[in-house]
Amino acid sequence: MVFRAKAVGAAMLVVAVVVAVLYIWLLFWPPNIEVLGMPFDYFLLKLTAALAVIVVMGLIGWIGYTLVTVPEPKTVEEMEKLIKEREESRAG
């Protein structure tokens, strides 16, 4: 199992390096094509910015959803009462 995890980690590392090099290459030496009526490098920058905003807003939304749906913590008095009830049920 350890070997499999290392293989997956190595593959992830290789993919990350290849994608980073390809991104830099396309950004600084873009092909002479237009995508949606704009040069390829501008399109790549706009796509990167849009994806970054989507990821950040998704994380903020997920945190907000988690804060809304997590039940309220019990007060100290409620916890003391719960502990006392458990002790009584074990004793009796």
Foldseek 3Di string as FASTA:
>chain_A
DVVVVVVVVVVVVVVVVVVVVVLVCCQVPNDQDDDPRHGPNVVSVVVVVVVVVVVVVVVVVVVVVCVVPDDDDDDPVVVVVVVVVVVVVVVD
